[in-house]
All heavy atoms as atom14 arrays in JSON, in Angstrom:
{
  "sequence": "MAGLFHFSGWIRQIHNYLTGTLGIHVWASYAIFI",
  "atom14_mask": [
    [1, 1, 1, 1, 1, 1, 1, 1, 0, 0, 0, 0, 0, 0],
    [1, 1, 1, 1, 1, 0, 0, 0, 0, 0, 0, 0, 0, 0],
    [1, 1, 1, 1, 0, 0, 0, 0, 0, 0, 0, 0, 0, 0],
    [1, 1, 1, 1, 1, 1, 1, 1, 0, 0, 0, 0, 0, 0],
    [1, 1, 1, 1, 1, 1, 1, 1, 1, 1, 1, 0, 0, 0],
    [1, 1, 1, 1, 1, 1, 1, 1, 1, 1, 0, 0, 0, 0],
    [1, 1, 1, 1, 1, 1, 1, 1, 1, 1, 1, 0, 0, 0],
    [1, 1, 1, 1, 1, 1, 0, 0, 0, 0, 0, 0, 0, 0],
    [1, 1, 1, 1, 0, 0, 0, 0, 0, 0, 0, 0, 0, 0],
    [1, 1, 1, 1, 1, 1, 1, 1, 1, 1, 1, 1, 1, 1],
    [1, 1, 1, 1, 1, 1, 1, 1, 0, 0, 0, 0, 0, 0],
    [1, 1, 1, 1, 1, 1, 1, 1, 1, 1, 1, 0, 0, 0],
    [1, 1, 1, 1, 1, 1, 1, 1, 1, 0, 0, 0, 0, 0],
    [1, 1, 1, 1, 1, 1, 1, 1, 0, 0, 0, 0, 0, 0],
    [1, 1, 1, 1, 1, 1, 1, 1, 1, 1, 0, 0, 0, 0],
    [1, 1, 1, 1, 1, 1, 1, 1, 0, 0, 0, 0, 0, 0],
    [1, 1, 1, 1, 1, 1, 1, 1, 1, 1, 1, 1, 0, 0],
    [1, 1, 1, 1, 1, 1, 1, 1, 0, 0, 0, 0, 0, 0],
    [1, 1, 1, 1, 1, 1, 1, 0, 0, 0, 0, 0, 0, 0],
    [1, 1, 1, 1, 0, 0, 0, 0, 0, 0, 0, 0, 0, 0],
    [1, 1, 1, 1, 1, 1, 1, 0, 0, 0, 0, 0, 0, 0],
    [1, 1, 1, 1, 1, 1, 1, 1, 0, 0, 0, 0, 0, 0],
    [1, 1, 1, 1, 0, 0, 0, 0, 0, 0, 0, 0, 0, 0],
    [1, 1, 1, 1, 1, 1, 1, 1, 0, 0, 0, 0, 0, 0],
    [1, 1, 1, 1, 1, 1, 1, 1, 1, 1, 0, 0, 0, 0],
    [1, 1, 1, 1, 1, 1, 1, 0, 0, 0, 0, 0, 0, 0],
    [1, 1, 1, 1, 1, 1, 1, 1, 1, 1, 1, 1, 1, 1],
    [1, 1, 1, 1, 1, 0, 0, 0, 0, 0, 0, 0, 0, 0],
    [1, 1, 1, 1, 1, 1, 0, 0, 0, 0, 0, 0, 0, 0],
    [1, 1, 1, 1, 1, 1, 1, 1, 1, 1, 1, 1, 0, 0],
    [1, 1, 1, 1, 1, 0, 0, 0, 0, 0, 0, 0, 0, 0],
    [1, 1, 1, 1, 1, 1, 1, 1, 0, 0, 0, 0, 0, 0],
    [1, 1, 1, 1, 1, 1, 1, 1, 1, 1, 1, 0, 0, 0],
    [1, 1, 1, 1, 1, 1, 1, 1, 0, 0, 0, 0, 0, 0]
  ],
  "atom14_positions": [
    [[87.44, 93.44, 107.31], [88.65, 94.16, 106.93], [89.34, 94.74, 108.17], [90.57, 94.67, 108.3], [88.3, 95.28, 105.95], [89.5, 96.05, 105.46], [90.56, 95.12, 104.37], [89.64, 95.2, 102.87], [0.0, 0.0, 0.0], [0.0, 0.0, 0.0], [0.0, 0.0, 0.0], [0.0, 0.0, 0.0], [0.0, 0.0, 0.0], [0.0, 0.0, 0.0]],
    [[88.56, 95.28, 109.09], [89.13, 95.81, 110.34], [89.81, 94.69, 111.11], [90.89, 94.88, 111.68], [88.04, 96.46, 111.18], [0.0, 0.0, 0.0], [0.0, 0.0, 0.0], [0.0, 0.0, 0.0], [0.0, 0.0, 0.0], [0.0, 0.0, 0.0], [0.0, 0.0, 0.0], [0.0, 0.0, 0.0], [0.0, 0.0, 0.0], [0.0, 0.0, 0.0]],
    [[89.21, 93.51, 111.12], [89.81, 92.36, 111.79], [91.14, 91.98, 111.17], [92.11, 91.65, 111.88], [0.0, 0.0, 0.0], [0.0, 0.0, 0.0], [0.0, 0.0, 0.0], [0.0, 0.0, 0.0], [0.0, 0.0, 0.0], [0.0, 0.0, 0.0], [0.0, 0.0, 0.0], [0.0, 0.0, 0.0], [0.0, 0.0, 0.0], [0.0, 0.0, 0.0]],
    [[91.23, 92.02, 109.84], [92.49, 91.72, 109.16], [93.58, 92.72, 109.52], [94.74, 92.35, 109.71], [92.29, 91.68, 107.65], [91.56, 90.46, 107.1], [91.31, 90.62, 105.6], [92.34, 89.19, 107.38], [0.0, 0.0, 0.0], [0.0, 0.0, 0.0], [0.0, 0.0, 0.0], [0.0, 0.0, 0.0], [0.0, 0.0, 0.0], [0.0, 0.0, 0.0]],
    [[93.22, 93.99, 109.62], [94.19, 95.02, 110.0], [94.68, 94.79, 111.44], [95.86, 94.96, 111.73], [93.6, 96.42, 109.85], [93.74, 96.97, 108.47], [92.99, 96.49, 107.41], [94.64, 98.0, 108.21], [93.13, 97.0, 106.14], [94.78, 98.52, 106.94], [94.02, 98.02, 105.9], [0.0, 0.0, 0.0], [0.0, 0.0, 0.0], [0.0, 0.0, 0.0]],
    [[93.75, 94.4, 112.34], [94.15, 94.1, 113.71], [95.08, 92.89, 113.74], [96.08, 92.87, 114.46], [92.93, 93.82, 114.59], [92.23, 95.04, 115.05], [92.79, 95.96, 115.9], [90.98, 95.49, 114.79], [91.94, 96.93, 116.14], [90.83, 96.68, 115.46], [0.0, 0.0, 0.0], [0.0, 0.0, 0.0], [0.0, 0.0, 0.0], [0.0, 0.0, 0.0]],
    [[94.75, 91.88, 112.95], [95.55, 90.66, 112.89], [96.96, 90.96, 112.37], [97.95, 90.45, 112.91], [94.85, 89.63, 112.0], [95.56, 88.31, 111.93], [95.68, 87.51, 113.06], [96.09, 87.86, 110.74], [96.33, 86.29, 113.0], [96.74, 86.64, 110.66], [96.87, 85.85, 111.8], [0.0, 0.0, 0.0], [0.0, 0.0, 0.0], [0.0, 0.0, 0.0]],
    [[97.05, 91.81, 111.35], [98.38, 92.15, 110.82], [99.2, 92.92, 111.86], [100.42, 92.73, 111.96], [98.26, 92.96, 109.52], [97.75, 94.25, 109.77], [0.0, 0.0, 0.0], [0.0, 0.0, 0.0], [0.0, 0.0, 0.0], [0.0, 0.0, 0.0], [0.0, 0.0, 0.0], [0.0, 0.0, 0.0], [0.0, 0.0, 0.0], [0.0, 0.0, 0.0]],
    [[98.56, 93.76, 112.65], [99.26, 94.46, 113.72], [99.76, 93.5, 114.79], [100.87, 93.65, 115.33], [0.0, 0.0, 0.0], [0.0, 0.0, 0.0], [0.0, 0.0, 0.0], [0.0, 0.0, 0.0], [0.0, 0.0, 0.0], [0.0, 0.0, 0.0], [0.0, 0.0, 0.0], [0.0, 0.0, 0.0], [0.0, 0.0, 0.0], [0.0, 0.0, 0.0]],
    [[98.96, 92.48, 115.08], [99.33, 91.46, 116.05], [100.55, 90.67, 115.54], [101.49, 90.4, 116.31], [98.13, 90.56, 116.29], [98.31, 89.51, 117.33], [98.46, 89.7, 118.68], [98.35, 88.11, 117.11], [98.58, 88.5, 119.3], [98.52, 87.5, 118.36], [98.25, 87.31, 115.98], [98.6, 86.13, 118.51], [98.33, 85.95, 116.14], [98.5, 85.36, 117.38]],
    [[100.54, 90.32, 114.27], [101.67, 89.59, 113.67], [102.93, 90.46, 113.73], [104.02, 89.97, 114.04], [101.34, 89.16, 112.23], [100.32, 88.04, 112.26], [102.6, 88.73, 111.48], [99.8, 87.63, 110.9], [0.0, 0.0, 0.0], [0.0, 0.0, 0.0], [0.0, 0.0, 0.0], [0.0, 0.0, 0.0], [0.0, 0.0, 0.0], [0.0, 0.0, 0.0]],
    [[102.8, 91.74, 113.44], [103.95, 92.65, 113.5], [104.51, 92.72, 114.92], [105.73, 92.74, 115.11], [103.56, 94.04, 113.04], [104.76, 94.99, 113.01], [104.42, 96.37, 112.53], [103.76, 96.3, 111.24], [102.82, 97.15, 110.84], [102.45, 98.13, 111.62], [102.26, 97.03, 109.66], [0.0, 0.0, 0.0], [0.0, 0.0, 0.0], [0.0, 0.0, 0.0]],
    [[103.64, 92.75, 115.93], [104.1, 92.77, 117.32], [104.87, 91.5, 117.66], [105.9, 91.55, 118.34], [102.93, 92.94, 118.28], [102.35, 94.33, 118.29], [101.14, 94.42, 119.21], [100.54, 93.42, 119.58], [100.79, 95.64, 119.57], [0.0, 0.0, 0.0], [0.0, 0.0, 0.0], [0.0, 0.0, 0.0], [0.0, 0.0, 0.0], [0.0, 0.0, 0.0]],
    [[104.37, 90.35, 117.21], [105.07, 89.08, 117.46], [106.43, 89.09, 116.77], [107.44, 88.69, 117.36], [104.21, 87.89, 116.99], [102.97, 87.75, 117.87], [105.03, 86.59, 117.02], [101.98, 86.73, 117.37], [0.0, 0.0, 0.0], [0.0, 0.0, 0.0], [0.0, 0.0, 0.0], [0.0, 0.0, 0.0], [0.0, 0.0, 0.0], [0.0, 0.0, 0.0]],
    [[106.47, 89.55, 115.53], [107.73, 89.63, 114.79], [108.73, 90.54, 115.52], [109.9, 90.18, 115.68], [107.48, 90.13, 113.37], [108.72, 90.38, 112.58], [109.51, 89.36, 112.1], [109.32, 91.53, 112.2], [110.54, 89.87, 111.46], [110.44, 91.2, 111.5], [0.0, 0.0, 0.0], [0.0, 0.0, 0.0], [0.0, 0.0, 0.0], [0.0, 0.0, 0.0]],
    [[108.26, 91.7, 115.98], [109.14, 92.62, 116.71], [109.63, 92.01, 118.02], [110.78, 92.22, 118.42], [108.44, 93.95, 116.98], [108.25, 94.76, 115.72], [108.93, 94.55, 114.72], [107.3, 95.68, 115.76], [0.0, 0.0, 0.0], [0.0, 0.0, 0.0], [0.0, 0.0, 0.0], [0.0, 0.0, 0.0], [0.0, 0.0, 0.0], [0.0, 0.0, 0.0]],
    [[108.78, 91.24, 118.68], [109.18, 90.56, 119.91], [110.26, 89.52, 119.62], [111.27, 89.44, 120.32], [107.97, 89.9, 120.58], [108.33, 89.09, 121.8], [108.65, 89.71, 122.99], [108.35, 87.7, 121.73], [108.99, 88.96, 124.11], [108.7, 86.95, 122.84], [109.01, 87.58, 124.03], [109.35, 86.85, 125.13], [0.0, 0.0, 0.0], [0.0, 0.0, 0.0]],
    [[110.03, 88.73, 118.56], [111.0, 87.68, 118.21], [112.35, 88.28, 117.83], [113.4, 87.79, 118.26], [110.47, 86.82, 117.06], [109.27, 85.92, 117.39], [108.75, 85.26, 116.11], [109.63, 84.89, 118.43], [0.0, 0.0, 0.0], [0.0, 0.0, 0.0], [0.0, 0.0, 0.0], [0.0, 0.0, 0.0], [0.0, 0.0, 0.0], [0.0, 0.0, 0.0]],
    [[112.33, 89.33, 117.02], [113.6, 89.89, 116.53], [114.23, 90.87, 117.52], [115.44, 90.87, 117.7], [113.4, 90.59, 115.18], [112.41, 91.61, 115.32], [113.0, 89.61, 114.1], [0.0, 0.0, 0.0], [0.0, 0.0, 0.0], [0.0, 0.0, 0.0], [0.0, 0.0, 0.0], [0.0, 0.0, 0.0], [0.0, 0.0, 0.0], [0.0, 0.0, 0.0]],
    [[113.43, 91.68, 118.16], [113.96, 92.71, 119.06], [114.26, 92.2, 120.45], [115.38, 92.34, 120.95], [0.0, 0.0, 0.0], [0.0, 0.0, 0.0], [0.0, 0.0, 0.0], [0.0, 0.0, 0.0], [0.0, 0.0, 0.0], [0.0, 0.0, 0.0], [0.0, 0.0, 0.0], [0.0, 0.0, 0.0], [0.0, 0.0, 0.0], [0.0, 0.0, 0.0]],
    [[113.28, 91.58, 121.09], [113.44, 91.15, 122.47], [114.25, 89.86, 122.58], [115.16, 89.77, 123.4], [112.05, 90.96, 123.13], [111.3, 92.17, 122.97], [112.19, 90.65, 124.61], [0.0, 0.0, 0.0], [0.0, 0.0, 0.0], [0.0, 0.0, 0.0], [0.0, 0.0, 0.0], [0.0, 0.0, 0.0], [0.0, 0.0, 0.0], [0.0, 0.0, 0.0]],
    [[113.89, 88.88, 121.75], [114.57, 87.59, 121.84], [115.86, 87.54, 121.02], [116.65, 86.63, 121.17], [113.64, 86.46, 121.41], [112.38, 86.26, 122.26], [111.56, 85.1, 121.73], [112.75, 86.03, 123.73], [0.0, 0.0, 0.0], [0.0, 0.0, 0.0], [0.0, 0.0, 0.0], [0.0, 0.0, 0.0], [0.0, 0.0, 0.0], [0.0, 0.0, 0.0]],
    [[116.03, 88.48, 120.11], [117.25, 88.54, 119.32], [117.34, 87.52, 118.19], [118.42, 87.23, 117.69], [0.0, 0.0, 0.0], [0.0, 0.0, 0.0], [0.0, 0.0, 0.0], [0.0, 0.0, 0.0], [0.0, 0.0, 0.0], [0.0, 0.0, 0.0], [0.0, 0.0, 0.0], [0.0, 0.0, 0.0], [0.0, 0.0, 0.0], [0.0, 0.0, 0.0]],
    [[116.2, 86.99, 117.79], [116.18, 86.03, 116.69], [116.4, 86.78, 115.38], [115.88, 87.88, 115.2], [114.83, 85.26, 116.68], [114.7, 84.43, 117.94], [114.7, 84.41, 115.44], [113.36, 83.74, 118.08], [0.0, 0.0, 0.0], [0.0, 0.0, 0.0], [0.0, 0.0, 0.0], [0.0, 0.0, 0.0], [0.0, 0.0, 0.0], [0.0, 0.0, 0.0]],
    [[117.16, 86.19, 114.47], [117.41, 86.81, 113.16], [116.09, 86.97, 112.41], [115.17, 86.16, 112.55], [118.39, 85.95, 112.36], [118.92, 86.65, 111.15], [118.26, 86.63, 109.95], [120.03, 87.42, 110.98], [118.94, 87.36, 109.08], [120.03, 87.84, 109.68], [0.0, 0.0, 0.0], [0.0, 0.0, 0.0], [0.0, 0.0, 0.0], [0.0, 0.0, 0.0]],
    [[116.0, 88.02, 111.59], [114.77, 88.32, 110.85], [114.32, 87.13, 110.01], [113.13, 86.78, 109.99], [114.99, 89.57, 109.95], [113.8, 89.79, 109.04], [115.22, 90.8, 110.81], [0.0, 0.0, 0.0], [0.0, 0.0, 0.0], [0.0, 0.0, 0.0], [0.0, 0.0, 0.0], [0.0, 0.0, 0.0], [0.0, 0.0, 0.0], [0.0, 0.0, 0.0]],
    [[115.24, 86.5, 109.32], [114.88, 85.36, 108.46], [114.37, 84.18, 109.28], [113.49, 83.44, 108.83], [116.04, 84.95, 107.56], [116.27, 85.97, 106.51], [117.26, 86.9, 106.45], [115.44, 86.21, 105.37], [117.12, 87.7, 105.35], [116.0, 87.3, 104.65], [114.28, 85.64, 104.87], [115.45, 87.81, 103.5], [113.73, 86.13, 103.7], [114.3, 87.2, 103.03]],
    [[114.89, 84.0, 110.48], [114.39, 82.94, 111.36], [112.96, 83.24, 111.78], [112.13, 82.33, 111.87], [115.3, 82.79, 112.57], [0.0, 0.0, 0.0], [0.0, 0.0, 0.0], [0.0, 0.0, 0.0], [0.0, 0.0, 0.0], [0.0, 0.0, 0.0], [0.0, 0.0, 0.0], [0.0, 0.0, 0.0], [0.0, 0.0, 0.0], [0.0, 0.0, 0.0]],
    [[112.67, 84.51, 112.03], [111.3, 84.9, 112.36], [110.35, 84.6, 111.19], [109.26, 84.08, 111.39], [111.25, 86.38, 112.71], [109.93, 86.81, 112.91], [0.0, 0.0, 0.0], [0.0, 0.0, 0.0], [0.0, 0.0, 0.0], [0.0, 0.0, 0.0], [0.0, 0.0, 0.0], [0.0, 0.0, 0.0], [0.0, 0.0, 0.0], [0.0, 0.0, 0.0]],
    [[110.8, 84.92, 109.98], [109.98, 84.6, 108.8], [109.75, 83.1, 108.7], [108.65, 82.64, 108.37], [110.66, 85.1, 107.52], [110.74, 86.6, 107.39], [111.69, 87.18, 106.56], [109.89, 87.45, 108.08], [111.78, 88.56, 106.42], [109.98, 88.83, 107.96], [110.93, 89.37, 107.12], [111.02, 90.72, 106.99], [0.0, 0.0, 0.0], [0.0, 0.0, 0.0]],
    [[110.8, 82.32, 108.97], [110.67, 80.86, 108.91], [109.66, 80.36, 109.93], [108.88, 79.44, 109.65], [112.04, 80.22, 109.13], [0.0, 0.0, 0.0], [0.0, 0.0, 0.0], [0.0, 0.0, 0.0], [0.0, 0.0, 0.0], [0.0, 0.0, 0.0], [0.0, 0.0, 0.0], [0.0, 0.0, 0.0], [0.0, 0.0, 0.0], [0.0, 0.0, 0.0]],
    [[109.67, 80.96, 111.12], [108.69, 80.58, 112.15], [107.27, 80.85, 111.66], [106.38, 80.01, 111.82], [108.99, 81.32, 113.47], [110.29, 80.79, 114.08], [107.82, 81.19, 114.45], [110.79, 81.61, 115.25], [0.0, 0.0, 0.0], [0.0, 0.0, 0.0], [0.0, 0.0, 0.0], [0.0, 0.0, 0.0], [0.0, 0.0, 0.0], [0.0, 0.0, 0.0]],
    [[107.05, 82.01, 111.03], [105.71, 82.34, 110.51], [105.31, 81.41, 109.37], [104.15, 81.0, 109.27], [105.64, 83.81, 110.08], [105.46, 84.75, 111.23], [106.49, 85.57, 111.65], [104.25, 84.82, 111.9], [106.33, 86.44, 112.71], [104.07, 85.69, 112.97], [105.12, 86.49, 113.37], [0.0, 0.0, 0.0], [0.0, 0.0, 0.0], [0.0, 0.0, 0.0]],
    [[106.25, 81.06, 108.51], [105.96, 80.13, 107.42], [105.58, 78.77, 107.98], [104.59, 78.16, 107.56], [107.18, 80.02, 106.46], [107.35, 81.33, 105.69], [107.02, 78.84, 105.5], [108.65, 81.44, 104.92], [0.0, 0.0, 0.0], [0.0, 0.0, 0.0], [0.0, 0.0, 0.0], [0.0, 0.0, 0.0], [0.0, 0.0, 0.0], [0.0, 0.0, 0.0]]
  ]
}
């Protein structure tokens, strides 16, 4: 369970990097994860 929580935090960091730093639209970030 602790590993899953760490993994979800890692995914959130990647999402924030894609949308915040690179300026990718939120839906495009979701599409990348899908």
